């Protein structure tokens, strides 16, 4: 196929409001999960090192991380399938074999610590040499969130898309096949860098849409008739996309609700006399007649920016700070439809990474119907340290019904604490 055909495909795909480029790669919440997934993998490594990782996927710290990845919209739907323990097949054999488990832990630890491409590839080859049954390139999805410019995501649709676009015959389940695909994928990415990204999630998203059938790959030959037929199919995708717009609109409305709740918390914090910080990646969002970050802090206090978890703290949805001391009084993570796990990790990064702040209020703000999900996530073994931090659940209904009275008659955090619900008893 010609470079021009690929260019046409990528340009059309980038403009598609329902394509994975716009619905996932440009999704503002996507980047928030990188640090929390990294922290989750650190917990997996620590538990394997202590010998208390366990012998089952369900309830493990690994399940917590993979669940967060699987919530990354359509690209990673079903990401947990490869990790589910299948007792009859005894795969993946990292739950009952302590030796294999330790090898997996060493692999993750190396990938967490290294930065160079050759070190990552060496770690993959070392793991592959162990021939651990059932532990294949699905692990690349973990590595992508550690090294997005080096390791592309992996799933069946991406492989199918790559084969369709290149005429290759890459097979599933083999690290060698994955590494060969990666080399070809890097060449495609370099050739079309102006339309793609250094982040390999972009080119992987293109392959995903090809492999899942949303787009047809350009014909491998350069027959004009085949090219014309393919262009007609490309136009048909655009027309069919209109039929799916309702689903996309529902997701968009979810983002708007998230912003509205942030706006309520911003205005309430100001009314109660606090300085307010809005997540750095949300500040420019439209809200009412202006931007969400208007009237809020332009930068966090230096004491916070020098803490180990500063990058995560900057992404917490809303912070209330004492105007005189600059200390964080309350932190709010809004979990409308996004990963509850990631919000918990960011709050813990604040509480554990900046203990001198002694934050009084840590709040997970979510629809009333998500309370059970919030409690289930907080009770996971990976969050043993949550209980003594006093994390609370603040339902939308309480905020909506009481925020105006709080703003008018409230003082400090007492009004918020009165309607928020403790998640765990210390």
Protein backbone atom coordinates (compact mmCIF):
# COMPACT_ATOMS: atom_id res chain seq x y z
CA UNK A 1 0.00 0.00 0.00
CA UNK A 2 1.12 3.54 -0.57
CA UNK A 3 2.25 5.98 2.11
CA UNK A 4 -0.41 8.33 0.77
CA UNK A 5 -3.16 5.81 1.53
CA UNK A 6 -1.97 5.44 5.09
CA UNK A 7 -1.83 9.22 5.41
CA UNK A 8 -5.47 9.47 4.28
CA UNK A 9 -6.51 6.77 6.71
CA UNK A 10 -4.76 8.34 9.70
CA UNK A 11 -6.00 11.84 8.90
CA UNK A 12 -9.61 10.63 8.61
CA UNK A 13 -9.26 8.54 11.77
CA UNK A 14 -7.94 11.50 13.78
CA UNK A 15 -11.03 13.52 12.85
CA UNK A 16 -13.49 10.77 13.78
CA UNK A 17 -15.34 11.88 16.93
CA UNK A 18 -16.09 8.24 17.75
CA UNK A 19 -12.67 6.83 16.89
CA UNK A 20 -10.32 5.67 19.60
CA UNK A 21 -7.97 8.61 18.98
CA UNK A 22 -10.54 11.12 20.24
CA UNK A 23 -12.47 8.97 22.69
CA UNK A 24 -9.43 7.44 24.40
CA UNK A 25 -6.05 8.89 23.38
CA UNK A 26 -7.17 12.52 23.75
CA UNK A 27 -9.36 11.70 26.78
CA UNK A 28 -8.17 13.97 29.58
CA UNK A 29 -8.63 11.29 32.24
CA UNK A 30 -6.25 8.91 30.45
CA UNK A 31 -3.08 10.56 31.67
CA UNK A 32 -4.29 10.64 35.26
CA UNK A 33 -3.97 6.89 35.49
CA UNK A 34 -0.28 6.56 34.62
CA UNK A 35 1.05 7.42 38.06
CA UNK A 36 -1.60 5.43 39.94
CA UNK A 37 -0.92 2.33 37.85
CA UNK A 38 2.80 2.75 38.48
CA UNK A 39 2.15 2.97 42.20
CA UNK A 40 -0.07 -0.09 42.04
CA UNK A 41 2.66 -2.12 40.35
CA UNK A 42 5.09 -1.02 43.05
CA UNK A 43 2.68 -2.51 45.59
CA UNK A 44 2.57 -5.78 43.59
CA UNK A 45 6.39 -5.94 43.63
CA UNK A 46 6.50 -5.19 47.37
CA UNK A 47 3.96 -7.91 48.16
CA UNK A 48 5.75 -10.50 46.04
CA UNK A 49 9.01 -9.56 47.77
CA UNK A 50 7.43 -10.03 51.22
CA UNK A 51 5.85 -13.31 50.18
CA UNK A 52 2.26 -12.20 50.87
CA UNK A 53 1.05 -11.63 47.29
CA UNK A 54 -1.26 -14.63 47.61
CA UNK A 55 -2.23 -17.57 45.42
CA UNK A 56 -5.18 -16.13 43.52
CA UNK A 57 -5.87 -13.27 41.15
CA UNK A 58 -9.16 -12.28 42.74
CA UNK A 59 -8.58 -9.88 45.60
CA UNK A 60 -4.89 -9.45 44.80
CA UNK A 61 -3.05 -6.16 44.33
CA UNK A 62 -2.52 -7.17 40.70
CA UNK A 63 -6.27 -7.38 40.16
CA UNK A 64 -6.58 -3.83 41.47
CA UNK A 65 -4.05 -2.55 38.92
CA UNK A 66 -5.43 -4.52 35.97
CA UNK A 67 -8.98 -3.44 36.85
CA UNK A 68 -7.82 0.17 36.61
CA UNK A 69 -6.33 -0.54 33.18
CA UNK A 70 -9.50 -2.30 32.02
CA UNK A 71 -11.48 0.84 32.86
CA UNK A 72 -9.49 2.77 30.23
CA UNK A 73 -12.45 2.73 27.86
CA UNK A 74 -12.63 0.45 24.82
CA UNK A 75 -8.87 0.08 24.21
CA UNK A 76 -8.38 -2.08 27.29
CA UNK A 77 -11.80 -3.64 27.75
CA UNK A 78 -11.25 -7.23 28.84
CA UNK A 79 -7.63 -6.61 29.83
CA UNK A 80 -8.08 -8.79 32.91
CA UNK A 81 -8.89 -11.96 30.95
CA UNK A 82 -5.24 -12.88 30.52
CA UNK A 83 -4.62 -12.61 34.27
CA UNK A 84 -7.55 -14.64 35.56
CA UNK A 85 -6.35 -17.84 37.21
CA UNK A 86 -7.52 -20.84 35.18
CA UNK A 87 -7.03 -23.80 37.53
CA UNK A 88 -7.63 -26.54 34.94
CA UNK A 89 -5.00 -25.10 32.62
CA UNK A 90 -2.87 -23.83 35.52
CA UNK A 91 -2.31 -20.48 33.79
CA UNK A 92 -0.99 -17.91 34.21
CA UNK A 93 1.36 -19.81 36.48
CA UNK A 94 2.31 -16.95 38.81
CA UNK A 95 -0.14 -17.69 41.60
CA UNK A 96 0.74 -21.19 42.79
CA UNK A 97 4.38 -21.30 41.67
CA UNK A 98 6.39 -19.17 44.08
CA UNK A 99 9.45 -19.34 41.81
CA UNK A 100 7.49 -18.00 38.83
CA UNK A 101 5.88 -15.39 41.03
CA UNK A 102 9.25 -14.11 42.16
CA UNK A 103 10.48 -14.02 38.54
CA UNK A 104 7.42 -11.94 37.62
CA UNK A 105 8.14 -9.64 40.56
CA UNK A 106 11.76 -9.15 39.45
CA UNK A 107 10.56 -8.41 35.93
CA UNK A 108 8.15 -5.72 37.15
CA UNK A 109 10.75 -4.27 39.49
CA UNK A 110 13.28 -3.93 36.66
CA UNK A 111 10.71 -2.29 34.39
CA UNK A 112 9.68 0.12 37.15
CA UNK A 113 13.26 1.21 37.77
CA UNK A 114 14.84 1.33 34.32
CA UNK A 115 14.41 3.97 31.64
CA UNK A 116 16.47 2.74 28.69
CA UNK A 117 14.95 0.76 25.84
CA UNK A 118 17.65 -1.91 25.86
CA UNK A 119 17.07 -2.57 29.58
CA UNK A 120 13.34 -3.04 29.01
CA UNK A 121 13.86 -5.38 26.09
CA UNK A 122 16.42 -7.36 28.11
CA UNK A 123 13.88 -7.72 30.95
CA UNK A 124 11.25 -8.98 28.50
CA UNK A 125 13.64 -11.52 26.99
CA UNK A 126 14.72 -12.71 30.44
CA UNK A 127 11.09 -13.23 31.42
CA UNK A 128 10.38 -15.01 28.14
CA UNK A 129 13.31 -17.36 28.78
CA UNK A 130 11.59 -18.53 31.99
CA UNK A 131 8.77 -20.00 29.83
CA UNK A 132 6.18 -19.27 32.50
CA UNK A 133 3.00 -20.90 31.29
CA UNK A 134 0.34 -18.38 30.32
CA UNK A 135 2.47 -15.30 31.03
CA UNK A 136 2.71 -13.77 27.58
CA UNK A 137 2.71 -10.31 26.02
CA UNK A 138 -0.50 -9.30 27.78
CA UNK A 139 2.00 -8.00 30.34
CA UNK A 140 2.90 -5.33 27.78
CA UNK A 141 -0.26 -3.50 28.86
CA UNK A 142 1.32 -3.07 32.28
CA UNK A 143 4.58 -1.84 30.75
CA UNK A 144 2.81 0.65 28.48
CA UNK A 145 1.70 2.64 31.53
CA UNK A 146 5.31 2.71 32.73
CA UNK A 147 7.01 3.47 29.39
CA UNK A 148 4.47 4.72 26.83
CA UNK A 149 7.13 5.92 24.38
CA UNK A 150 8.89 2.54 24.31
CA UNK A 151 6.29 -0.20 24.84
CA UNK A 152 3.03 -0.28 22.86
CA UNK A 153 -0.16 -1.80 24.31
CA UNK A 154 -1.18 -5.28 23.23
CA UNK A 155 -4.44 -7.09 22.57
CA UNK A 156 -6.11 -9.21 19.89
CA UNK A 157 -7.55 -6.24 18.01
CA UNK A 158 -4.18 -4.47 17.86
CA UNK A 159 -2.53 -7.58 16.41
CA UNK A 160 -5.32 -7.99 13.85
CA UNK A 161 -5.03 -4.32 12.92
CA UNK A 162 -1.27 -4.57 12.49
CA UNK A 163 -1.59 -7.62 10.25
CA UNK A 164 -4.27 -5.93 8.16
CA UNK A 165 -2.25 -2.75 7.73
CA UNK A 166 1.09 -4.42 6.94
CA UNK A 167 0.22 -7.83 5.53
CA UNK A 168 2.20 -9.44 8.34
CA UNK A 169 1.17 -12.65 10.09
CA UNK A 170 1.91 -11.85 13.72
CA UNK A 171 0.47 -14.46 16.08
CA UNK A 172 -0.92 -14.01 19.58
CA UNK A 173 0.67 -15.24 22.79
CA UNK A 174 4.37 -15.03 21.94
CA UNK A 175 6.81 -12.43 23.21
CA UNK A 176 8.93 -12.94 20.09
CA UNK A 177 5.95 -12.19 17.87
CA UNK A 178 5.10 -9.15 19.99
CA UNK A 179 8.64 -7.77 19.74
CA UNK A 180 8.61 -8.25 15.96
CA UNK A 181 5.29 -6.38 15.76
CA UNK A 182 6.74 -3.64 17.97
CA UNK A 183 9.56 -3.05 15.50
CA UNK A 184 7.14 -2.71 12.61
CA UNK A 185 4.86 -0.50 14.67
CA UNK A 186 7.80 1.80 15.48
CA UNK A 187 8.53 2.14 11.76
CA UNK A 188 4.91 3.08 11.02
CA UNK A 189 4.94 5.55 13.88
CA UNK A 190 8.15 7.18 12.65
CA UNK A 191 6.86 7.40 9.07
CA UNK A 192 3.66 9.16 10.17
CA UNK A 193 4.96 10.96 13.26
CA UNK A 194 3.31 14.24 12.23
CA UNK A 195 -0.12 12.62 12.55
CA UNK A 196 0.61 10.27 15.46
CA UNK A 197 2.62 10.76 18.67
CA UNK A 198 5.74 9.82 20.59
CA UNK A 199 3.25 8.08 22.91
CA UNK A 200 2.76 4.68 21.26
CA UNK A 201 -0.81 4.61 22.51
CA UNK A 202 -1.78 6.66 19.44
CA UNK A 203 -0.55 4.21 16.80
CA UNK A 204 -1.86 1.31 18.91
CA UNK A 205 -5.27 3.00 18.98
CA UNK A 206 -5.19 3.21 15.17
CA UNK A 207 -4.43 -0.51 14.94
CA UNK A 208 -7.16 -1.23 17.49
CA UNK A 209 -9.78 0.50 15.35
CA UNK A 210 -8.56 -1.41 12.30
CA UNK A 211 -8.53 -4.73 14.11
CA UNK A 212 -11.93 -4.23 15.73
CA UNK A 213 -13.49 -3.52 12.34
CA UNK A 214 -14.26 0.16 12.67
CA UNK A 215 -11.91 0.92 9.77
CA UNK A 216 -10.81 -1.10 6.80
CA UNK A 217 -7.07 -1.07 6.10
CA UNK A 218 -5.96 0.35 2.74
CA UNK A 219 -5.50 -2.32 0.05
CA UNK A 220 -2.05 -3.86 0.14
CA UNK A 221 -1.76 -3.55 -3.65
CA UNK A 222 -2.03 -0.20 -5.44
CA UNK A 223 -4.84 -1.11 -7.83
CA UNK A 224 -6.90 2.10 -8.47
CA UNK A 225 -10.18 0.16 -8.29
CA UNK A 226 -9.28 -1.30 -4.90
CA UNK A 227 -8.23 2.15 -3.71
CA UNK A 228 -11.54 3.70 -4.79
CA UNK A 229 -13.52 0.93 -3.08
CA UNK A 230 -11.54 1.43 0.11
CA UNK A 231 -12.13 5.20 0.06
CA UNK A 232 -15.87 4.56 -0.29
CA UNK A 233 -15.75 2.30 2.75
CA UNK A 234 -13.83 4.99 4.61
CA UNK A 235 -16.62 7.46 3.89
CA UNK A 236 -19.22 4.92 5.00
CA UNK A 237 -17.53 4.69 8.41
CA UNK A 238 -18.13 8.39 8.88
CA UNK A 239 -21.82 8.00 8.05
CA UNK A 240 -22.26 5.00 10.33
CA UNK A 241 -20.51 6.91 13.11
CA UNK A 242 -23.47 9.24 13.37
CA UNK A 243 -25.59 6.32 14.54
CA UNK A 244 -23.22 5.75 17.45
CA UNK A 245 -23.07 9.38 18.49
CA UNK A 246 -25.55 8.87 21.32
CA UNK A 247 -23.13 6.60 23.13
CA UNK A 248 -20.33 9.11 22.68
CA UNK A 249 -22.63 11.89 23.88
CA UNK A 250 -23.37 9.92 27.05
CA UNK A 251 -19.65 9.71 27.74
CA UNK A 252 -19.29 13.41 27.02
CA UNK A 253 -22.12 14.19 29.43
CA UNK A 254 -20.23 12.18 32.04
CA UNK A 255 -17.21 14.44 31.55
CA UNK A 256 -19.45 17.50 31.84
CA UNK A 257 -20.93 16.17 35.09
CA UNK A 258 -17.43 15.64 36.46
CA UNK A 259 -16.61 19.27 35.64
CA UNK A 260 -19.83 20.51 37.21
CA UNK A 261 -19.05 18.72 40.48
CA UNK A 262 -15.55 20.20 40.45
CA UNK A 263 -17.15 23.61 39.96
CA UNK A 264 -19.44 23.09 42.96
CA UNK A 265 -16.44 22.14 45.10
CA UNK A 266 -14.43 25.07 43.81
CA UNK A 267 -17.18 27.58 44.64
CA UNK A 268 -17.90 25.99 48.01
CA UNK A 269 -14.23 26.10 48.98
CA UNK A 270 -14.02 29.79 48.10
CA UNK A 271 -17.21 30.56 50.05
CA UNK A 272 -15.76 28.83 53.11
CA UNK A 273 -12.66 31.01 52.94
CA UNK A 274 -10.12 28.61 51.46
CA UNK A 275 -7.72 29.01 48.59
CA UNK A 276 -8.66 26.49 45.91
CA UNK A 277 -6.59 24.39 43.55
CA UNK A 278 -8.17 22.71 40.52
CA UNK A 279 -6.39 19.78 38.84
CA UNK A 280 -3.76 21.14 36.46
CA UNK A 281 -5.19 19.26 33.47
CA UNK A 282 -8.74 20.50 34.17
CA UNK A 283 -8.11 24.21 34.71
CA UNK A 284 -8.92 25.22 31.14
CA UNK A 285 -12.21 23.32 30.97
CA UNK A 286 -15.23 25.46 30.21
CA UNK A 287 -17.47 26.00 33.23
CA UNK A 288 -20.49 28.30 33.32
CA UNK A 289 -19.29 31.55 31.65
CA UNK A 290 -15.58 31.01 32.13
CA UNK A 291 -12.91 28.43 32.87
CA UNK A 292 -12.88 25.97 35.73
CA UNK A 293 -9.55 27.25 37.03
CA UNK A 294 -10.53 30.93 37.17
CA UNK A 295 -9.98 32.50 40.57
CA UNK A 296 -7.98 29.50 41.75
CA UNK A 297 -4.31 29.06 42.64
CA UNK A 298 -1.93 29.24 39.70
CA UNK A 299 0.65 27.10 41.47
CA UNK A 300 0.78 24.85 44.51
CA UNK A 301 2.87 25.90 47.54
CA UNK A 302 6.54 25.00 47.25
CA UNK A 303 6.30 22.58 50.19
CA UNK A 304 3.81 20.48 48.23
CA UNK A 305 5.71 20.65 44.96
CA UNK A 306 8.81 19.23 46.65
CA UNK A 307 7.05 16.09 47.92
CA UNK A 308 7.59 12.68 46.25
CA UNK A 309 3.99 12.54 44.99
CA UNK A 310 3.89 16.09 43.60
CA UNK A 311 2.97 14.99 40.07
CA UNK A 312 -0.06 13.09 41.38
CA UNK A 313 -1.07 15.85 43.82
CA UNK A 314 -1.26 18.34 40.95
CA UNK A 315 -3.89 16.05 39.35
CA UNK A 316 -6.19 15.80 42.38
CA UNK A 317 -9.52 17.21 41.21
CA UNK A 318 -9.93 19.89 43.90
CA UNK A 319 -7.81 20.96 46.89
CA UNK A 320 -8.79 23.42 49.61
CA UNK A 321 -5.85 25.17 51.25
CA UNK A 322 -5.57 27.42 54.27
CA UNK A 323 -4.90 30.94 52.99
CA UNK A 324 -2.36 31.80 55.67
CA UNK A 325 -0.31 28.63 56.04
CA UNK A 326 -0.79 27.17 52.56
CA UNK A 327 -1.51 23.76 54.09
CA UNK A 328 -4.01 21.46 52.42
CA UNK A 329 -7.19 21.29 54.47
CA UNK A 330 -9.23 19.02 52.20
CA UNK A 331 -8.73 17.02 49.01
CA UNK A 332 -11.51 15.84 46.71
CA UNK A 333 -11.41 13.22 43.98
CA UNK A 334 -14.53 13.16 41.78
CA UNK A 335 -15.25 9.67 40.46
CA UNK A 336 -18.21 10.00 38.11
CA UNK A 337 -17.39 7.12 35.77
CA UNK A 338 -13.60 6.99 36.02
CA UNK A 339 -11.42 4.58 37.96
CA UNK A 340 -12.05 4.80 41.71
CA UNK A 341 -8.71 3.10 42.24
CA UNK A 342 -6.77 5.96 40.63
CA UNK A 343 -8.50 8.56 42.79
CA UNK A 344 -7.66 6.65 45.97
CA UNK A 345 -4.00 6.41 44.94
CA UNK A 346 -3.79 10.16 44.32
CA UNK A 347 -5.29 10.93 47.72
CA UNK A 348 -2.87 8.52 49.36
CA UNK A 349 0.02 10.13 47.50
CA UNK A 350 -0.97 13.36 49.22
CA UNK A 351 -1.48 11.79 52.64
CA UNK A 352 1.62 9.59 52.58
CA UNK A 353 3.89 11.71 50.40
CA UNK A 354 3.29 14.90 52.39
CA UNK A 355 2.72 13.74 55.99
CA UNK A 356 3.63 17.17 57.31
CA UNK A 357 0.42 18.43 55.72
CA UNK A 358 -1.70 16.22 58.04
CA UNK A 359 -4.66 16.68 55.72
CA UNK A 360 -7.86 16.64 57.70
CA UNK A 361 -10.28 15.77 54.92
CA UNK A 362 -9.78 13.20 52.14
CA UNK A 363 -12.96 12.78 50.10
CA UNK A 364 -14.06 10.50 47.30
CA UNK A 365 -16.97 12.28 45.62
CA UNK A 366 -19.20 10.09 43.47
CA UNK A 367 -22.81 9.37 42.49
CA UNK A 368 -24.84 7.83 45.31
CA UNK A 369 -25.13 4.62 43.28
CA UNK A 370 -21.33 4.16 43.32
CA UNK A 371 -21.01 4.06 47.10
CA UNK A 372 -20.80 0.27 47.18
CA UNK A 373 -18.09 0.33 44.49
CA UNK A 374 -16.14 2.96 46.41
CA UNK A 375 -16.28 0.92 49.62
CA UNK A 376 -15.26 -2.24 47.78
CA UNK A 377 -12.20 -0.52 46.31
CA UNK A 378 -11.12 1.04 49.61
CA UNK A 379 -11.38 -2.32 51.38
CA UNK A 380 -8.91 -3.99 48.99
CA UNK A 381 -5.70 -5.34 50.56
CA UNK A 382 -3.71 -2.90 48.43
CA UNK A 383 -5.16 -0.04 50.50
CA UNK A 384 -4.39 -1.26 54.00
CA UNK A 385 -3.14 2.22 54.87
CA UNK A 386 -6.48 3.93 54.16
CA UNK A 387 -8.21 3.31 57.49
CA UNK A 388 -6.07 5.62 59.60
CA UNK A 389 -6.28 8.41 57.02
CA UNK A 390 -9.97 9.02 57.63
CA UNK A 391 -10.98 8.88 53.96
CA UNK A 392 -14.70 9.65 53.44
CA UNK A 393 -17.36 9.21 50.80
CA UNK A 394 -19.23 12.36 49.73
CA UNK A 395 -22.29 11.48 47.62
CA UNK A 396 -23.47 13.80 44.88
CA UNK A 397 -26.91 14.16 46.45
CA UNK A 398 -25.55 15.55 49.71
CA UNK A 399 -23.35 18.03 47.88
CA UNK A 400 -26.14 19.10 45.54
CA UNK A 401 -28.77 19.49 48.29
CA UNK A 402 -26.59 21.16 50.91
CA UNK A 403 -23.82 23.10 49.19
CA UNK A 404 -25.66 26.45 49.18
CA UNK A 405 -26.48 26.20 52.90
CA UNK A 406 -22.89 25.15 53.60
CA UNK A 407 -21.59 28.16 51.69
CA UNK A 408 -23.88 30.53 53.53
CA UNK A 409 -23.78 29.19 57.07
CA UNK A 410 -20.87 26.75 57.16
CA UNK A 411 -17.52 27.20 58.82
CA UNK A 412 -14.38 25.29 57.95
CA UNK A 413 -14.88 21.59 57.17
CA UNK A 414 -17.57 20.88 59.74
CA UNK A 415 -20.46 21.19 57.31
CA UNK A 416 -18.81 18.85 54.81
CA UNK A 417 -17.89 16.34 57.49
CA UNK A 418 -21.50 16.32 58.64
CA UNK A 419 -22.76 14.94 55.33
CA UNK A 420 -19.76 12.82 54.29
CA UNK A 421 -19.65 9.15 55.30
CA UNK A 422 -16.62 7.36 56.78
CA UNK A 423 -15.37 4.56 54.54
CA UNK A 424 -13.41 2.53 57.07
CA UNK A 425 -12.98 2.57 60.78
CA UNK A 426 -9.41 3.03 61.93
